[in-house]
C-alpha atoms as a PDB file:
ATOM      1  CA  MET A   1       0.000   0.000   0.000  1.00  0.00           C
ATOM      2  CA  ARG A   2       1.391   3.373  -1.027  1.00  0.00           C
ATOM      3  CA  SER A   3       1.990   6.141   1.483  1.00  0.00           C
ATOM      4  CA  HIS A   4      -0.723   8.292  -0.101  1.00  0.00           C
ATOM      5  CA  ASP A   5      -3.250   5.457   0.192  1.00  0.00           C
ATOM      6  CA  ARG A   6      -2.360   4.881   3.865  1.00  0.00           C
ATOM      7  CA  SER A   7      -2.715   8.593   4.539  1.00  0.00           C
ATOM      8  CA  LEU A   8      -6.132   8.717   2.864  1.00  0.00           C
ATOM      9  CA  LEU A   9      -7.251   5.614   4.755  1.00  0.00           C
ATOM     10  CA  LYS A  10      -6.195   7.249   8.036  1.00  0.00           C
ATOM     11  CA  GLU A  11      -8.032  10.472   7.128  1.00  0.00           C
ATOM     12  CA  LEU A  12     -11.174   8.525   6.202  1.00  0.00           C
ATOM     13  CA  SER A  13     -10.989   6.602   9.481  1.00  0.00           C
ATOM     14  CA  VAL A  14     -10.909   9.881  11.402  1.00  0.00           C
ATOM     15  CA  PHE A  15     -13.705  11.261   9.195  1.00  0.00           C
ATOM     16  CA  PHE A  16     -15.972   8.308   9.978  1.00  0.00           C
ATOM     17  CA  LEU A  17     -15.037   8.220  13.689  1.00  0.00           C
ATOM     18  CA  ILE A  18     -16.006  11.892  14.102  1.00  0.00           C
ATOM     19  CA  SER A  19     -19.174  11.288  12.076  1.00  0.00           C
ATOM     20  CA  LEU A  20     -20.026   8.270  14.210  1.00  0.00           C
ATOM     21  CA  GLY A  21     -19.450  10.285  17.379  1.00  0.00           C
ATOM     22  CA  VAL A  22     -21.860  12.984  16.211  1.00  0.00           C
ATOM     23  CA  PHE A  23     -24.405  10.345  15.196  1.00  0.00           C
ATOM     24  CA  VAL A  24     -24.220   8.491  18.535  1.00  0.00           C
ATOM     25  CA  VAL A  25     -24.513  11.653  20.658  1.00  0.00           C
ATOM     26  CA  ASP A  26     -27.400  12.888  18.508  1.00  0.00           C
ATOM     27  CA  GLN A  27     -29.313   9.612  18.646  1.00  0.00           C
ATOM     28  CA  ALA A  28     -28.655   9.134  22.373  1.00  0.00           C
ATOM     29  CA  SER A  29     -29.928  12.635  23.143  1.00  0.00           C
ATOM     30  CA  LYS A  30     -33.075  12.038  21.081  1.00  0.00           C
ATOM     31  CA  GLN A  31     -33.707   8.703  22.796  1.00  0.00           C
ATOM     32  CA  TRP A  32     -33.329  10.428  26.157  1.00  0.00           C
ATOM     33  CA  VAL A  33     -35.933  13.004  25.105  1.00  0.00           C
ATOM     34  CA  ILE A  34     -38.316  10.318  23.834  1.00  0.00           C
ATOM     35  CA  SER A  35     -37.927   8.392  27.113  1.00  0.00           C
ATOM     36  CA  ASN A  36     -38.334  11.377  29.427  1.00  0.00           C
ATOM     37  CA  PHE A  37     -40.790  13.718  27.675  1.00  0.00           C
ATOM     38  CA  VAL A  38     -44.175  13.540  26.051  1.00  0.00           C
ATOM     39  CA  LEU A  39     -44.659  15.367  22.771  1.00  0.00           C
ATOM     40  CA  TYR A  40     -44.675  19.166  23.273  1.00  0.00           C
ATOM     41  CA  GLN A  41     -43.607  18.870  26.926  1.00  0.00           C
ATOM     42  CA  THR A  42     -41.225  21.617  28.038  1.00  0.00           C
ATOM     43  CA  ARG A  43     -38.733  21.766  30.886  1.00  0.00           C
ATOM     44  CA  THR A  44     -37.111  25.100  31.611  1.00  0.00           C
ATOM     45  CA  VAL A  45     -33.329  24.996  31.927  1.00  0.00           C
ATOM     46  CA  LEU A  46     -32.532  28.745  32.017  1.00  0.00           C
ATOM     47  CA  GLU A  47     -35.601  30.861  32.749  1.00  0.00           C
ATOM     48  CA  GLY A  48     -36.363  33.260  29.895  1.00  0.00           C
ATOM     49  CA  PHE A  49     -33.664  31.814  27.621  1.00  0.00           C
ATOM     50  CA  PHE A  50     -33.478  28.020  27.191  1.00  0.00           C
ATOM     51  CA  SER A  51     -35.779  25.023  27.579  1.00  0.00           C
ATOM     52  CA  LEU A  52     -35.872  21.430  26.501  1.00  0.00           C
ATOM     53  CA  THR A  53     -39.047  20.994  24.460  1.00  0.00           C
ATOM     54  CA  PHE A  54     -39.957  17.789  22.628  1.00  0.00           C
ATOM     55  CA  VAL A  55     -41.228  18.682  19.150  1.00  0.00           C
ATOM     56  CA  ILE A  56     -41.208  16.965  15.786  1.00  0.00           C
ATOM     57  CA  ASN A  57     -40.243  18.425  12.426  1.00  0.00           C
ATOM     58  CA  LYS A  58     -41.747  16.876   9.299  1.00  0.00           C
ATOM     59  CA  GLY A  59     -39.944  19.334   7.018  1.00  0.00           C
ATOM     60  CA  VAL A  60     -36.384  20.515   6.660  1.00  0.00           C
ATOM     61  CA  ALA A  61     -34.714  23.462   8.415  1.00  0.00           C
ATOM     62  CA  PHE A  62     -37.205  25.425  10.521  1.00  0.00           C
ATOM     63  CA  GLY A  63     -40.065  23.208   9.323  1.00  0.00           C
ATOM     64  CA  PHE A  64     -39.771  24.397   5.718  1.00  0.00           C
ATOM     65  CA  MET A  65     -41.635  22.073   3.328  1.00  0.00           C
ATOM     66  CA  ALA A  66     -43.332  20.304   6.235  1.00  0.00           C
ATOM     67  CA  GLY A  67     -45.955  17.821   5.237  1.00  0.00           C
ATOM     68  CA  ALA A  68     -47.064  14.300   5.901  1.00  0.00           C
ATOM     69  CA  ASP A  69     -47.248  12.982   2.346  1.00  0.00           C
ATOM     70  CA  GLU A  70     -45.062  10.015   1.481  1.00  0.00           C
ATOM     71  CA  TRP A  71     -43.219  11.716  -1.385  1.00  0.00           C
ATOM     72  CA  ARG A  72     -41.727  14.284   1.018  1.00  0.00           C
ATOM     73  CA  HIS A  73     -40.332  11.527   3.239  1.00  0.00           C
ATOM     74  CA  VAL A  74     -38.761   9.794   0.257  1.00  0.00           C
ATOM     75  CA  PHE A  75     -37.488  13.079  -1.195  1.00  0.00           C
ATOM     76  CA  PHE A  76     -35.837  14.210   2.082  1.00  0.00           C
ATOM     77  CA  GLN A  77     -34.268  10.777   2.562  1.00  0.00           C
ATOM     78  CA  ALA A  78     -32.950  10.697  -1.020  1.00  0.00           C
ATOM     79  CA  VAL A  79     -31.486  14.197  -0.736  1.00  0.00           C
ATOM     80  CA  ALA A  80     -29.742  13.246   2.511  1.00  0.00           C
ATOM     81  CA  ILE A  81     -28.290  10.038   1.058  1.00  0.00           C
ATOM     82  CA  LEU A  82     -27.096  11.757  -2.120  1.00  0.00           C
ATOM     83  CA  SER A  83     -25.549  14.656  -0.210  1.00  0.00           C
ATOM     84  CA  MET A  84     -23.776  12.249   2.169  1.00  0.00           C
ATOM     85  CA  ALA A  85     -22.366  10.333  -0.808  1.00  0.00           C
ATOM     86  CA  ALA A  86     -21.232  13.629  -2.328  1.00  0.00           C
ATOM     87  CA  MET A  87     -19.529  14.569   0.956  1.00  0.00           C
ATOM     88  CA  VAL A  88     -17.517  11.340   0.980  1.00  0.00           C
ATOM     89  CA  TYR A  89     -16.576  11.823  -2.692  1.00  0.00           C
ATOM     90  CA  LEU A  90     -15.515  15.423  -2.047  1.00  0.00           C
ATOM     91  CA  TYR A  91     -13.539  14.387   1.021  1.00  0.00           C
ATOM     92  CA  VAL A  92     -11.687  11.677  -0.910  1.00  0.00           C
ATOM     93  CA  THR A  93     -10.985  13.831  -3.977  1.00  0.00           C
ATOM     94  CA  THR A  94      -9.961  17.050  -2.218  1.00  0.00           C
ATOM     95  CA  SER A  95      -6.172  17.168  -2.165  1.00  0.00           C
ATOM     96  CA  GLU A  96      -5.574  20.112   0.160  1.00  0.00           C
ATOM     97  CA  LYS A  97      -7.554  19.629   3.351  1.00  0.00           C
ATOM     98  CA  THR A  98      -7.311  22.339   5.965  1.00  0.00           C
ATOM     99  CA  PHE A  99      -8.196  21.770   9.615  1.00  0.00           C
ATOM    100  CA  PHE A 100     -11.577  23.411   8.956  1.00  0.00           C
ATOM    101  CA  PHE A 101     -12.289  21.080   6.032  1.00  0.00           C
ATOM    102  CA  LYS A 102     -11.286  18.009   8.063  1.00  0.00           C
ATOM    103  CA  ALA A 103     -13.495  19.154  10.950  1.00  0.00           C
ATOM    104  CA  GLY A 104     -16.436  20.468   8.945  1.00  0.00           C
ATOM    105  CA  MET A 105     -17.091  17.546   6.602  1.00  0.00           C
ATOM    106  CA  PRO A 106     -17.548  14.846   9.264  1.00  0.00           C
ATOM    107  CA  LEU A 107     -19.690  17.173  11.402  1.00  0.00           C
ATOM    108  CA  VAL A 108     -22.059  17.739   8.476  1.00  0.00           C
ATOM    109  CA  PHE A 109     -21.968  14.042   7.547  1.00  0.00           C
ATOM    110  CA  GLY A 110     -22.664  12.844  11.111  1.00  0.00           C
ATOM    111  CA  GLY A 111     -25.457  15.379  11.601  1.00  0.00           C
ATOM    112  CA  SER A 112     -27.006  14.405   8.274  1.00  0.00           C
ATOM    113  CA  ALA A 113     -26.854  10.739   9.296  1.00  0.00           C
ATOM    114  CA  GLY A 114     -28.585  11.549  12.596  1.00  0.00           C
ATOM    115  CA  ASN A 115     -31.469  13.368  10.972  1.00  0.00           C
ATOM    116  CA  LEU A 116     -31.687  10.781   8.177  1.00  0.00           C
ATOM    117  CA  SER A 117     -32.033   8.055  10.801  1.00  0.00           C
ATOM    118  CA  ASP A 118     -34.985   9.924  12.331  1.00  0.00           C
ATOM    119  CA  ARG A 119     -36.629  10.299   8.918  1.00  0.00           C
ATOM    120  CA  ILE A 120     -36.256   6.583   8.207  1.00  0.00           C
ATOM    121  CA  VAL A 121     -37.457   5.417  11.636  1.00  0.00           C
ATOM    122  CA  TYR A 122     -40.121   8.024  12.497  1.00  0.00           C
ATOM    123  CA  LYS A 123     -40.796   9.895   9.207  1.00  0.00           C
ATOM    124  CA  TYR A 124     -39.906  13.138  11.027  1.00  0.00           C
ATOM    125  CA  VAL A 125     -36.969  14.640  12.910  1.00  0.00           C
ATOM    126  CA  ILE A 126     -36.945  14.954  16.695  1.00  0.00           C
ATOM    127  CA  ASP A 127     -36.046  18.438  17.951  1.00  0.00           C
ATOM    128  CA  PHE A 128     -35.726  19.579  21.553  1.00  0.00           C
ATOM    129  CA  LEU A 129     -33.256  22.438  22.034  1.00  0.00           C
ATOM    130  CA  ASP A 130     -35.452  25.513  22.477  1.00  0.00           C
ATOM    131  CA  PHE A 131     -33.788  28.944  22.770  1.00  0.00           C
ATOM    132  CA  TYR A 132     -35.855  32.075  23.256  1.00  0.00           C
ATOM    133  CA  PHE A 133     -35.885  35.600  24.630  1.00  0.00           C
ATOM    134  CA  GLY A 134     -39.263  36.578  26.006  1.00  0.00           C
ATOM    135  CA  VAL A 135     -41.811  35.707  23.315  1.00  0.00           C
ATOM    136  CA  TYR A 136     -39.155  35.489  20.576  1.00  0.00           C
ATOM    137  CA  HIS A 137     -38.292  31.848  19.889  1.00  0.00           C
ATOM    138  CA  TRP A 138     -35.646  30.382  17.667  1.00  0.00           C
ATOM    139  CA  PRO A 139     -37.110  27.223  16.079  1.00  0.00           C
ATOM    140  CA  ALA A 140     -36.278  24.132  18.139  1.00  0.00           C
ATOM    141  CA  PHE A 141     -33.366  22.047  16.871  1.00  0.00           C
ATOM    142  CA  ASN A 142     -31.199  19.086  17.885  1.00  0.00           C
ATOM    143  CA  ILE A 143     -27.573  17.953  18.203  1.00  0.00           C
ATOM    144  CA  ALA A 144     -27.448  16.896  14.530  1.00  0.00           C
ATOM    145  CA  ASP A 145     -28.595  20.360  13.444  1.00  0.00           C
ATOM    146  CA  SER A 146     -25.927  21.921  15.672  1.00  0.00           C
ATOM    147  CA  ALA A 147     -23.211  19.714  14.157  1.00  0.00           C
ATOM    148  CA  ILE A 148     -24.386  20.549  10.638  1.00  0.00           C
ATOM    149  CA  THR A 149     -24.342  24.279  11.411  1.00  0.00           C
ATOM    150  CA  VAL A 150     -20.852  24.199  12.952  1.00  0.00           C
ATOM    151  CA  GLY A 151     -19.636  21.984  10.112  1.00  0.00           C
ATOM    152  CA  VAL A 152     -20.991  24.305   7.436  1.00  0.00           C
ATOM    153  CA  CYS A 153     -19.344  27.275   9.178  1.00  0.00           C
ATOM    154  CA  CYS A 154     -16.024  25.369   9.128  1.00  0.00           C
ATOM    155  CA  LEU A 155     -16.451  24.617   5.426  1.00  0.00           C
ATOM    156  CA  VAL A 156     -17.320  28.224   4.606  1.00  0.00           C
ATOM    157  CA  TRP A 157     -14.178  29.284   6.483  1.00  0.00           C
ATOM    158  CA  HIS A 158     -12.129  26.695   4.579  1.00  0.00           C
ATOM    159  CA  TYR A 159     -13.396  27.725   1.154  1.00  0.00           C
ATOM    160  CA  PHE A 160     -13.236  31.483   1.717  1.00  0.00           C
ATOM    161  CA  ASN A 161      -9.755  31.338   3.196  1.00  0.00           C
ATOM    162  CA  GLU A 162      -8.222  28.815   0.818  1.00  0.00           C
ATOM    163  CA  PRO A 163      -5.369  30.411  -1.118  1.00  0.00           C
ATOM    164  CA  ILE A 164      -6.162  31.090  -4.754  1.00  0.00           C
ATOM    165  CA  LYS A 165      -4.075  28.854  -7.000  1.00  0.00           C
ATOM    166  CA  LYS A 166      -2.288  30.577  -9.883  1.00  0.00           C
END
């Protein structure tokens, strides 16, 4: 096995370990919510700022395209699977990987896997992190959504700070 192949295999191992870590923490947190809350139940953590609230999301980000019809479930699952395959392809074919690229890709992949798992098992995504200020609420989200957001920020940083090749 060539040195380059060993290096790529090591990078992919780290990629999938980070992704698996995100997936496990996400799924464990959702199982904890399912076991300890009833749908729409809220428990205040920081008065006036943060609660744990068990809600479901049948759409994508912020409930966009929410609906119960079967084609939406299949469409969201297909988009997730195709985007995860594209992430692996991009990870393998990208030659210059910065720290932000190596951190961002597995965070997005692991978060996507967590939400995809919910869509396959429940036909919706479980959300429970509820931030608000007075009557102003940010839509509830989960650990997978957080990982995806941080991962995308890392990737934006990587791509906007990558030196231009001449």
